[in-house]
Amino acid sequence: MDYATKSLKELKAICKERKIKGYTKMKSIEIIPLLTDTTEMIEQVEPTTPIETIVIVPLSFNLIHGDCLIEMKKIKNQSIDMILCDLPYGMTKNVWDVVIPFDKLWEEYNRIIKDNGAVVLFGSQPFTSLMITSNLKHFRYCLVWEKNKFSDFLNAKRKPMKTNEDIAIFYKKQPTYNPQYWYSTPYTRWNTQSAVDKQTNYGNHKENHVVSVDGKRLPTTVLKFNRIERPKHPTQKPVDLLEWLIKTYSNPGEMVLDNCMGVGSTGIACKNLKRSFIGIELDKKYFDIANELINVVS
């Protein structure tokens, strides 16, 4: 059943029929995952059929037009090094902005990602909370993308302007982590033993003396990247932000999957950084744009 086409009143009626609790004050985006979970218990499972396998070779690019829940079944177990995706949040009136059932999504993600692979997913509240709670077992932390321009101006009289999006990091075991250092004014830091003795959060440790002649700094959880001025997709992410994430959580030659690739920005970033890429997009219009833009990159 396509719950995304149902009104809030219809969704609540289905909840009442199935005796689901706690739905009365929920929005459509919050109810749909509840109904999806119960659908599996009342619908017959379709018979399985042989599935074509996506062949993965070094520095290969596979662009696929189709439903990601179907197409991901063609990917071999534990063959993906990193998943980087901007899932639909279900927060706009765009016809494609329909939340993918989390249970079915994680079933495929957990099967195809390597044990030490990172799953990096964009989000925005309240979708971010739903996404994190859908897999608390493997959720580790969130990054924040701070934009140079605000959005949500229609609600300017109701709440502060929005200048950020969330980036949730999931993994089973410690993944590749390549810190993306940045540089500022050179510095010297000296922590005496008496000073560190007062810092009890991490137990006992010794005094330390740190000198940075080049001003090298560790990355933080706040990532400052400009929005795209004239995007070809309403939720298009900047390539330089995607490159930062890909460099952090993967190595050259490894395979990156974007199962909602839009106009292919993740694919462009992968091509720039010598990563293999599988991109899946349901909307034919955006798939054709992605195919064109990625093929332009040398």
C-alpha atoms as a PDB file:
ATOM      1  CA  MET A   1       0.000   0.000   0.000  1.00  0.00           C
ATOM      2  CA  ASP A   2       1.295   3.479  -0.927  1.00  0.00           C
ATOM      3  CA  TYR A   3       0.833   5.351   2.356  1.00  0.00           C
ATOM      4  CA  ALA A   4       2.455   8.509   0.963  1.00  0.00           C
ATOM      5  CA  THR A   5      -0.693   9.209  -1.102  1.00  0.00           C
ATOM      6  CA  LYS A   6      -2.973   8.978   1.939  1.00  0.00           C
ATOM      7  CA  SER A   7      -4.221  11.983   3.884  1.00  0.00           C
ATOM      8  CA  LEU A   8      -3.461  12.348   7.583  1.00  0.00           C
ATOM      9  CA  LYS A   9      -7.078  11.434   8.357  1.00  0.00           C
ATOM     10  CA  GLU A  10      -6.836   8.249   6.274  1.00  0.00           C
ATOM     11  CA  LEU A  11      -3.534   7.270   7.905  1.00  0.00           C
ATOM     12  CA  LYS A  12      -5.030   7.666  11.372  1.00  0.00           C
ATOM     13  CA  ALA A  13      -8.037   5.575  10.342  1.00  0.00           C
ATOM     14  CA  ILE A  14      -5.697   2.745   9.325  1.00  0.00           C
ATOM     15  CA  CYS A  15      -3.860   3.056  12.656  1.00  0.00           C
ATOM     16  CA  LYS A  16      -7.176   2.785  14.496  1.00  0.00           C
ATOM     17  CA  GLU A  17      -8.157  -0.281  12.467  1.00  0.00           C
ATOM     18  CA  ARG A  18      -4.838  -1.997  13.268  1.00  0.00           C
ATOM     19  CA  LYS A  19      -5.033  -0.964  16.929  1.00  0.00           C
ATOM     20  CA  ILE A  20      -1.730   0.939  16.811  1.00  0.00           C
ATOM     21  CA  LYS A  21      -1.158   3.065  19.906  1.00  0.00           C
ATOM     22  CA  GLY A  22       0.187   6.609  20.252  1.00  0.00           C
ATOM     23  CA  TYR A  23      -0.655   7.893  16.755  1.00  0.00           C
ATOM     24  CA  THR A  24      -3.282  10.528  17.581  1.00  0.00           C
ATOM     25  CA  LYS A  25      -0.900  13.514  17.821  1.00  0.00           C
ATOM     26  CA  MET A  26       1.529  12.359  15.129  1.00  0.00           C
ATOM     27  CA  LYS A  27       2.131  13.885  11.702  1.00  0.00           C
ATOM     28  CA  SER A  28       2.022  11.887   8.467  1.00  0.00           C
ATOM     29  CA  ILE A  29       5.841  11.557   8.365  1.00  0.00           C
ATOM     30  CA  GLU A  30       5.739   9.922  11.822  1.00  0.00           C
ATOM     31  CA  ILE A  31       2.798   7.606  11.113  1.00  0.00           C
ATOM     32  CA  ILE A  32       4.050   6.130   7.813  1.00  0.00           C
ATOM     33  CA  PRO A  33       6.956   4.141   9.397  1.00  0.00           C
ATOM     34  CA  LEU A  34       4.504   2.683  11.962  1.00  0.00           C
ATOM     35  CA  LEU A  35       2.184   1.481   9.227  1.00  0.00           C
ATOM     36  CA  THR A  36       5.061   0.123   7.181  1.00  0.00           C
ATOM     37  CA  ASP A  37       6.169  -1.996  10.133  1.00  0.00           C
ATOM     38  CA  THR A  38       2.685  -3.541  10.485  1.00  0.00           C
ATOM     39  CA  THR A  39       2.235  -4.096   6.758  1.00  0.00           C
ATOM     40  CA  GLU A  40       4.680  -6.985   6.812  1.00  0.00           C
ATOM     41  CA  MET A  41       2.452  -8.801   9.310  1.00  0.00           C
ATOM     42  CA  ILE A  42      -0.757  -8.532   7.272  1.00  0.00           C
ATOM     43  CA  GLU A  43       0.390  -8.715   3.642  1.00  0.00           C
ATOM     44  CA  GLN A  44       1.550 -11.837   1.858  1.00  0.00           C
ATOM     45  CA  VAL A  45       5.217 -11.894   0.928  1.00  0.00           C
ATOM     46  CA  GLU A  46       5.766 -11.918  -2.830  1.00  0.00           C
ATOM     47  CA  PRO A  47       7.495 -15.047  -4.144  1.00  0.00           C
ATOM     48  CA  THR A  48      11.228 -14.605  -4.613  1.00  0.00           C
ATOM     49  CA  THR A  49      12.665 -14.587  -8.123  1.00  0.00           C
ATOM     50  CA  PRO A  50      16.243 -14.819  -9.373  1.00  0.00           C
ATOM     51  CA  ILE A  51      17.953 -11.420  -9.116  1.00  0.00           C
ATOM     52  CA  GLU A  52      20.580 -10.084 -11.487  1.00  0.00           C
ATOM     53  CA  THR A  53      23.826  -9.176  -9.711  1.00  0.00           C
ATOM     54  CA  ILE A  54      25.555  -5.804 -10.104  1.00  0.00           C
ATOM     55  CA  VAL A  55      29.154  -6.485 -11.097  1.00  0.00           C
ATOM     56  CA  ILE A  56      31.648  -4.459  -9.049  1.00  0.00           C
ATOM     57  CA  VAL A  57      35.094  -3.836 -10.525  1.00  0.00           C
ATOM     58  CA  PRO A  58      37.832  -1.331  -9.518  1.00  0.00           C
ATOM     59  CA  LEU A  59      36.984   2.305 -10.362  1.00  0.00           C
ATOM     60  CA  SER A  60      33.674   1.309 -11.957  1.00  0.00           C
ATOM     61  CA  PHE A  61      30.610   3.526 -12.250  1.00  0.00           C
ATOM     62  CA  ASN A  62      27.136   1.968 -12.217  1.00  0.00           C
ATOM     63  CA  LEU A  63      24.237   4.399 -12.709  1.00  0.00           C
ATOM     64  CA  ILE A  64      20.867   2.710 -12.260  1.00  0.00           C
ATOM     65  CA  HIS A  65      17.368   4.031 -12.942  1.00  0.00           C
ATOM     66  CA  GLY A  66      14.960   2.268 -10.601  1.00  0.00           C
ATOM     67  CA  ASP A  67      13.583   1.708  -7.115  1.00  0.00           C
ATOM     68  CA  CYS A  68      16.501   1.493  -4.679  1.00  0.00           C
ATOM     69  CA  LEU A  69      14.824  -1.179  -2.524  1.00  0.00           C
ATOM     70  CA  ILE A  70      14.652  -3.406  -5.602  1.00  0.00           C
ATOM     71  CA  GLU A  71      17.993  -2.466  -7.154  1.00  0.00           C
ATOM     72  CA  MET A  72      19.987  -2.859  -3.928  1.00  0.00           C
ATOM     73  CA  LYS A  73      18.987  -6.526  -3.856  1.00  0.00           C
ATOM     74  CA  LYS A  74      21.317  -6.960  -6.845  1.00  0.00           C
ATOM     75  CA  ILE A  75      24.347  -5.847  -4.817  1.00  0.00           C
ATOM     76  CA  LYS A  76      26.447  -8.605  -3.255  1.00  0.00           C
ATOM     77  CA  ASN A  77      26.736  -9.032   0.504  1.00  0.00           C
ATOM     78  CA  GLN A  78      29.388  -6.862   2.207  1.00  0.00           C
ATOM     79  CA  SER A  79      30.626  -5.362  -1.066  1.00  0.00           C
ATOM     80  CA  ILE A  80      30.142  -1.647  -0.261  1.00  0.00           C
ATOM     81  CA  ASP A  81      32.792   0.372   1.609  1.00  0.00           C
ATOM     82  CA  MET A  82      30.664   3.460   2.241  1.00  0.00           C
ATOM     83  CA  ILE A  83      27.022   4.470   1.834  1.00  0.00           C
ATOM     84  CA  LEU A  84      26.496   8.205   1.385  1.00  0.00           C
ATOM     85  CA  CYS A  85      22.899   9.224   0.797  1.00  0.00           C
ATOM     86  CA  ASP A  86      20.498  12.139   1.090  1.00  0.00           C
ATOM     87  CA  LEU A  87      17.273  10.223   1.715  1.00  0.00           C
ATOM     88  CA  PRO A  88      13.844  11.807   1.144  1.00  0.00           C
ATOM     89  CA  TYR A  89      12.801  13.491   4.408  1.00  0.00           C
ATOM     90  CA  GLY A  90       9.050  13.507   3.703  1.00  0.00           C
ATOM     91  CA  MET A  91       8.875  17.200   4.639  1.00  0.00           C
ATOM     92  CA  THR A  92       8.000  18.895   1.328  1.00  0.00           C
ATOM     93  CA  LYS A  93       5.191  18.689  -1.229  1.00  0.00           C
ATOM     94  CA  ASN A  94       7.490  17.287  -3.944  1.00  0.00           C
ATOM     95  CA  VAL A  95       6.069  14.055  -5.383  1.00  0.00           C
ATOM     96  CA  TRP A  96       9.405  12.263  -4.878  1.00  0.00           C
ATOM     97  CA  ASP A  97       9.728  13.307  -1.221  1.00  0.00           C
ATOM     98  CA  VAL A  98       8.354  10.079   0.274  1.00  0.00           C
ATOM     99  CA  VAL A  99      10.073   8.439   3.253  1.00  0.00           C
ATOM    100  CA  ILE A 100      11.595   5.056   2.392  1.00  0.00           C
ATOM    101  CA  PRO A 101      10.486   2.382   4.911  1.00  0.00           C
ATOM    102  CA  PHE A 102      13.356   2.208   7.402  1.00  0.00           C
ATOM    103  CA  ASP A 103      13.041  -1.510   8.102  1.00  0.00           C
ATOM    104  CA  LYS A 104      13.445  -2.435   4.446  1.00  0.00           C
ATOM    105  CA  LEU A 105      16.176   0.166   3.952  1.00  0.00           C
ATOM    106  CA  TRP A 106      18.302  -1.133   6.851  1.00  0.00           C
ATOM    107  CA  GLU A 107      17.738  -4.712   5.756  1.00  0.00           C
ATOM    108  CA  GLU A 108      19.597  -3.912   2.530  1.00  0.00           C
ATOM    109  CA  TYR A 109      22.111  -1.485   4.060  1.00  0.00           C
ATOM    110  CA  ASN A 110      23.169  -3.980   6.737  1.00  0.00           C
ATOM    111  CA  ARG A 111      23.529  -6.733   4.165  1.00  0.00           C
ATOM    112  CA  ILE A 112      25.641  -4.888   1.579  1.00  0.00           C
ATOM    113  CA  ILE A 113      27.833  -2.646   3.775  1.00  0.00           C
ATOM    114  CA  LYS A 114      31.137  -4.104   4.970  1.00  0.00           C
ATOM    115  CA  ASP A 115      31.492  -4.633   8.723  1.00  0.00           C
ATOM    116  CA  ASN A 116      33.910  -1.684   8.868  1.00  0.00           C
ATOM    117  CA  GLY A 117      31.980   0.463   6.391  1.00  0.00           C
ATOM    118  CA  ALA A 118      30.341   3.784   7.271  1.00  0.00           C
ATOM    119  CA  VAL A 119      26.726   4.651   6.477  1.00  0.00           C
ATOM    120  CA  VAL A 120      26.498   8.446   6.205  1.00  0.00           C
ATOM    121  CA  LEU A 121      22.980   9.869   5.880  1.00  0.00           C
ATOM    122  CA  PHE A 122      21.746  13.456   5.596  1.00  0.00           C
ATOM    123  CA  GLY A 123      18.704  14.490   7.604  1.00  0.00           C
ATOM    124  CA  SER A 124      16.682  17.299   9.111  1.00  0.00           C
ATOM    125  CA  GLN A 125      14.377  17.271  12.128  1.00  0.00           C
ATOM    126  CA  PRO A 126      11.995  15.578  12.763  1.00  0.00           C
ATOM    127  CA  PHE A 127      13.192  13.121  10.096  1.00  0.00           C
ATOM    128  CA  THR A 128      16.654  12.897  11.697  1.00  0.00           C
ATOM    129  CA  SER A 129      15.224  11.565  14.960  1.00  0.00           C
ATOM    130  CA  LEU A 130      13.122   8.970  13.142  1.00  0.00           C
ATOM    131  CA  MET A 131      16.157   7.890  11.131  1.00  0.00           C
ATOM    132  CA  ILE A 132      18.432   7.567  14.173  1.00  0.00           C
ATOM    133  CA  THR A 133      15.894   5.643  16.252  1.00  0.00           C
ATOM    134  CA  SER A 134      15.353   3.273  13.321  1.00  0.00           C
ATOM    135  CA  ASN A 135      18.872   1.909  13.971  1.00  0.00           C
ATOM    136  CA  LEU A 136      20.086   2.953  17.420  1.00  0.00           C
ATOM    137  CA  LYS A 137      22.299  -0.126  17.565  1.00  0.00           C
ATOM    138  CA  HIS A 138      24.627   1.188  14.854  1.00  0.00           C
ATOM    139  CA  PHE A 139      24.169   4.958  15.283  1.00  0.00           C
ATOM    140  CA  ARG A 140      27.400   6.630  16.483  1.00  0.00           C
ATOM    141  CA  TYR A 141      27.219  10.431  16.181  1.00  0.00           C
ATOM    142  CA  CYS A 142      25.981  13.381  14.135  1.00  0.00           C
ATOM    143  CA  LEU A 143      27.784  16.018  12.128  1.00  0.00           C
ATOM    144  CA  VAL A 144      26.181  19.359  11.311  1.00  0.00           C
ATOM    145  CA  TRP A 145      26.339  21.025   7.907  1.00  0.00           C
ATOM    146  CA  GLU A 146      26.282  24.793   8.525  1.00  0.00           C
ATOM    147  CA  LYS A 147      25.194  26.665   5.401  1.00  0.00           C
ATOM    148  CA  ASN A 148      26.041  30.198   4.368  1.00  0.00           C
ATOM    149  CA  LYS A 149      22.373  31.050   3.693  1.00  0.00           C
ATOM    150  CA  PHE A 150      19.197  30.339   5.621  1.00  0.00           C
ATOM    151  CA  SER A 151      16.053  28.565   4.463  1.00  0.00           C
ATOM    152  CA  ASP A 152      12.453  28.095   5.671  1.00  0.00           C
ATOM    153  CA  PHE A 153      11.745  31.822   5.311  1.00  0.00           C
ATOM    154  CA  LEU A 154       7.978  31.177   5.160  1.00  0.00           C
ATOM    155  CA  ASN A 155       8.115  30.424   8.889  1.00  0.00           C
ATOM    156  CA  ALA A 156      10.169  33.522   9.752  1.00  0.00           C
ATOM    157  CA  LYS A 157       7.462  34.837  12.100  1.00  0.00           C
ATOM    158  CA  ARG A 158       7.173  31.512  13.912  1.00  0.00           C
ATOM    159  CA  LYS A 159      10.748  30.346  14.513  1.00  0.00           C
ATOM    160  CA  PRO A 160      14.447  31.112  13.805  1.00  0.00           C
ATOM    161  CA  MET A 161      15.721  30.668  10.273  1.00  0.00           C
ATOM    162  CA  LYS A 162      17.258  27.300   9.485  1.00  0.00           C
ATOM    163  CA  THR A 163      20.928  27.286   8.459  1.00  0.00           C
ATOM    164  CA  ASN A 164      21.899  23.677   9.075  1.00  0.00           C
ATOM    165  CA  GLU A 165      21.235  20.038   8.194  1.00  0.00           C
ATOM    166  CA  ASP A 166      22.211  16.915  10.092  1.00  0.00           C
ATOM    167  CA  ILE A 167      24.574  14.184   8.901  1.00  0.00           C
ATOM    168  CA  ALA A 168      24.130  10.950  10.871  1.00  0.00           C
ATOM    169  CA  ILE A 169      26.988   8.430  11.022  1.00  0.00           C
ATOM    170  CA  PHE A 170      26.246   4.718  11.443  1.00  0.00           C
ATOM    171  CA  TYR A 171      28.608   1.739  11.497  1.00  0.00           C
ATOM    172  CA  LYS A 172      28.975  -1.771  12.942  1.00  0.00           C
ATOM    173  CA  LYS A 173      32.726  -1.626  13.614  1.00  0.00           C
ATOM    174  CA  GLN A 174      35.207   1.258  13.527  1.00  0.00           C
ATOM    175  CA  PRO A 175      35.337   2.335   9.862  1.00  0.00           C
ATOM    176  CA  THR A 176      38.004   4.093   7.875  1.00  0.00           C
ATOM    177  CA  TYR A 177      38.568   7.504   9.433  1.00  0.00           C
ATOM    178  CA  ASN A 178      40.867   9.973   7.698  1.00  0.00           C
ATOM    179  CA  PRO A 179      40.694  13.260   9.670  1.00  0.00           C
ATOM    180  CA  GLN A 180      40.364  16.263   7.357  1.00  0.00           C
ATOM    181  CA  TYR A 181      42.615  18.751   9.123  1.00  0.00           C
ATOM    182  CA  TRP A 182      42.314  22.481   8.659  1.00  0.00           C
ATOM    183  CA  TYR A 183      44.885  25.213   9.291  1.00  0.00           C
ATOM    184  CA  SER A 184      44.882  28.473  11.221  1.00  0.00           C
ATOM    185  CA  THR A 185      47.272  30.475  13.426  1.00  0.00           C
ATOM    186  CA  PRO A 186      50.254  28.497  14.852  1.00  0.00           C
ATOM    187  CA  TYR A 187      49.876  27.792  18.561  1.00  0.00           C
ATOM    188  CA  THR A 188      51.531  26.365  21.675  1.00  0.00           C
ATOM    189  CA  ARG A 189      49.570  24.657  24.444  1.00  0.00           C
ATOM    190  CA  TRP A 190      50.958  23.506  27.787  1.00  0.00           C
ATOM    191  CA  ASN A 191      48.912  21.483  30.285  1.00  0.00           C
ATOM    192  CA  THR A 192      50.704  21.026  33.622  1.00  0.00           C
ATOM    193  CA  GLN A 193      50.194  17.943  35.771  1.00  0.00           C
ATOM    194  CA  SER A 194      48.177  19.948  38.295  1.00  0.00           C
ATOM    195  CA  ALA A 195      45.936  21.144  35.473  1.00  0.00           C
ATOM    196  CA  VAL A 196      45.299  17.697  33.992  1.00  0.00           C
ATOM    197  CA  ASP A 197      44.669  16.261  37.473  1.00  0.00           C
ATOM    198  CA  LYS A 198      41.599  18.483  37.631  1.00  0.00           C
ATOM    199  CA  GLN A 199      40.238  16.960  34.409  1.00  0.00           C
ATOM    200  CA  THR A 200      38.475  13.820  35.637  1.00  0.00           C
ATOM    201  CA  ASN A 201      36.283  12.939  32.652  1.00  0.00           C
ATOM    202  CA  TYR A 202      38.883  10.652  31.041  1.00  0.00           C
ATOM    203  CA  GLY A 203      40.646   9.279  34.123  1.00  0.00           C
ATOM    204  CA  ASN A 204      44.342   9.726  34.958  1.00  0.00           C
ATOM    205  CA  HIS A 205      46.685  11.116  32.312  1.00  0.00           C
ATOM    206  CA  LYS A 206      49.999  12.948  32.152  1.00  0.00           C
ATOM    207  CA  GLU A 207      50.895  16.558  31.491  1.00  0.00           C
ATOM    208  CA  ASN A 208      51.358  17.444  27.849  1.00  0.00           C
ATOM    209  CA  HIS A 209      52.999  20.066  25.710  1.00  0.00           C
ATOM    210  CA  VAL A 210      51.638  20.643  22.208  1.00  0.00           C
ATOM    211  CA  VAL A 211      53.288  22.856  19.585  1.00  0.00           C
ATOM    212  CA  SER A 212      51.770  23.486  16.146  1.00  0.00           C
ATOM    213  CA  VAL A 213      54.083  25.465  13.883  1.00  0.00           C
ATOM    214  CA  ASP A 214      51.642  25.295  10.954  1.00  0.00           C
ATOM    215  CA  GLY A 215      48.412  25.901  12.896  1.00  0.00           C
ATOM    216  CA  LYS A 216      47.091  22.426  12.142  1.00  0.00           C
ATOM    217  CA  ARG A 217      43.665  21.829  13.694  1.00  0.00           C
ATOM    218  CA  LEU A 218      41.550  18.707  14.161  1.00  0.00           C
ATOM    219  CA  PRO A 219      38.157  18.582  12.418  1.00  0.00           C
ATOM    220  CA  THR A 220      35.031  19.302  14.452  1.00  0.00           C
ATOM    221  CA  THR A 221      31.426  18.159  14.110  1.00  0.00           C
ATOM    222  CA  VAL A 222      30.424  21.428  12.417  1.00  0.00           C
ATOM    223  CA  LEU A 223      31.099  21.497   8.661  1.00  0.00           C
ATOM    224  CA  LYS A 224      30.881  24.913   6.996  1.00  0.00           C
ATOM    225  CA  PHE A 225      30.149  24.676   3.273  1.00  0.00           C
ATOM    226  CA  ASN A 226      28.220  27.057   1.019  1.00  0.00           C
ATOM    227  CA  ARG A 227      24.903  26.100  -0.513  1.00  0.00           C
ATOM    228  CA  ILE A 228      24.672  25.649  -4.273  1.00  0.00           C
ATOM    229  CA  GLU A 229      23.558  28.880  -5.952  1.00  0.00           C
ATOM    230  CA  ARG A 230      21.556  27.390  -8.849  1.00  0.00           C
ATOM    231  CA  PRO A 231      20.821  23.752  -7.991  1.00  0.00           C
ATOM    232  CA  LYS A 232      19.424  21.330 -10.549  1.00  0.00           C
ATOM    233  CA  HIS A 233      17.603  19.471  -7.747  1.00  0.00           C
ATOM    234  CA  PRO A 234      15.709  21.064  -4.813  1.00  0.00           C
ATOM    235  CA  THR A 235      17.818  19.246  -2.187  1.00  0.00           C
ATOM    236  CA  GLN A 236      21.128  19.080  -4.081  1.00  0.00           C
ATOM    237  CA  LYS A 237      24.217  18.935  -1.851  1.00  0.00           C
ATOM    238  CA  PRO A 238      27.512  20.719  -2.677  1.00  0.00           C
ATOM    239  CA  VAL A 239      30.218  18.525  -4.189  1.00  0.00           C
ATOM    240  CA  ASP A 240      32.923  19.892  -1.862  1.00  0.00           C
ATOM    241  CA  LEU A 241      30.906  18.817   1.210  1.00  0.00           C
ATOM    242  CA  LEU A 242      30.411  15.342  -0.281  1.00  0.00           C
ATOM    243  CA  GLU A 243      34.141  15.152  -1.061  1.00  0.00           C
ATOM    244  CA  TRP A 244      34.941  15.979   2.581  1.00  0.00           C
ATOM    245  CA  LEU A 245      32.746  13.101   3.748  1.00  0.00           C
ATOM    246  CA  ILE A 246      34.078  10.652   1.156  1.00  0.00           C
ATOM    247  CA  LYS A 247      37.712  11.469   1.978  1.00  0.00           C
ATOM    248  CA  THR A 248      36.970  11.064   5.696  1.00  0.00           C
ATOM    249  CA  TYR A 249      35.212   7.686   5.571  1.00  0.00           C
ATOM    250  CA  SER A 250      36.744   5.904   2.561  1.00  0.00           C
ATOM    251  CA  ASN A 251      39.994   5.390   0.661  1.00  0.00           C
ATOM    252  CA  PRO A 252      40.834   5.695  -3.061  1.00  0.00           C
ATOM    253  CA  GLY A 253      39.577   2.767  -5.112  1.00  0.00           C
ATOM    254  CA  GLU A 254      36.827   1.815  -2.649  1.00  0.00           C
ATOM    255  CA  MET A 255      33.134   1.507  -3.511  1.00  0.00           C
ATOM    256  CA  VAL A 256      30.605   4.174  -2.520  1.00  0.00           C
ATOM    257  CA  LEU A 257      26.826   3.764  -2.861  1.00  0.00           C
ATOM    258  CA  ASP A 258      24.250   6.542  -3.139  1.00  0.00           C
ATOM    259  CA  ASN A 259      20.830   4.916  -3.434  1.00  0.00           C
ATOM    260  CA  CYS A 260      18.985   8.257  -3.869  1.00  0.00           C
ATOM    261  CA  MET A 261      21.544  10.021  -6.034  1.00  0.00           C
ATOM    262  CA  GLY A 262      19.362  12.823  -7.439  1.00  0.00           C
ATOM    263  CA  VAL A 263      21.436  14.626 -10.065  1.00  0.00           C
ATOM    264  CA  GLY A 264      24.596  12.684  -9.229  1.00  0.00           C
ATOM    265  CA  SER A 265      26.624  15.017  -7.004  1.00  0.00           C
ATOM    266  CA  THR A 266      27.975  12.062  -4.993  1.00  0.00           C
ATOM    267  CA  GLY A 267      29.023  10.393  -8.243  1.00  0.00           C
ATOM    268  CA  ILE A 268      30.883  13.528  -9.330  1.00  0.00           C
ATOM    269  CA  ALA A 269      32.682  13.654  -5.971  1.00  0.00           C
ATOM    270  CA  CYS A 270      33.614   9.963  -6.292  1.00  0.00           C
ATOM    271  CA  LYS A 271      34.968  10.494  -9.788  1.00  0.00           C
ATOM    272  CA  ASN A 272      37.054  13.446  -8.589  1.00  0.00           C
ATOM    273  CA  LEU A 273      38.474  11.337  -5.738  1.00  0.00           C
ATOM    274  CA  LYS A 274      39.074   8.066  -7.641  1.00  0.00           C
ATOM    275  CA  ARG A 275      36.357   6.060  -5.875  1.00  0.00           C
ATOM    276  CA  SER A 276      34.076   3.489  -7.488  1.00  0.00           C
ATOM    277  CA  PHE A 277      30.395   4.410  -7.435  1.00  0.00           C
ATOM    278  CA  ILE A 278      26.927   2.915  -7.597  1.00  0.00           C
ATOM    279  CA  GLY A 279      24.150   5.476  -7.982  1.00  0.00           C
ATOM    280  CA  ILE A 280      20.435   4.668  -7.963  1.00  0.00           C
ATOM    281  CA  GLU A 281      17.696   7.154  -8.830  1.00  0.00           C
ATOM    282  CA  LEU A 282      13.959   6.564  -9.255  1.00  0.00           C
ATOM    283  CA  ASP A 283      13.044   9.831 -11.004  1.00  0.00           C
ATOM    284  CA  LYS A 284      13.873   9.569 -14.736  1.00  0.00           C
ATOM    285  CA  LYS A 285      14.299  13.334 -15.103  1.00  0.00           C
ATOM    286  CA  TYR A 286      16.979  13.526 -12.409  1.00  0.00           C
ATOM    287  CA  PHE A 287      18.574  10.249 -13.480  1.00  0.00           C
ATOM    288  CA  ASP A 288      19.175  11.648 -16.985  1.00  0.00           C
ATOM    289  CA  ILE A 289      20.712  14.824 -15.519  1.00  0.00           C
ATOM    290  CA  ALA A 290      22.981  12.740 -13.264  1.00  0.00           C
ATOM    291  CA  ASN A 291      24.066  10.580 -16.183  1.00  0.00           C
ATOM    292  CA  GLU A 292      24.985  13.671 -18.184  1.00  0.00           C
ATOM    293  CA  LEU A 293      26.798  15.515 -15.367  1.00  0.00           C
ATOM    294  CA  ILE A 294      28.834  12.511 -14.206  1.00  0.00           C
ATOM    295  CA  ASN A 295      29.914  11.622 -17.734  1.00  0.00           C
ATOM    296  CA  VAL A 296      31.193  15.178 -18.265  1.00  0.00           C
ATOM    297  CA  VAL A 297      33.737  14.742 -15.444  1.00  0.00           C
ATOM    298  CA  SER A 298      37.041  13.477 -16.850  1.00  0.00           C
END
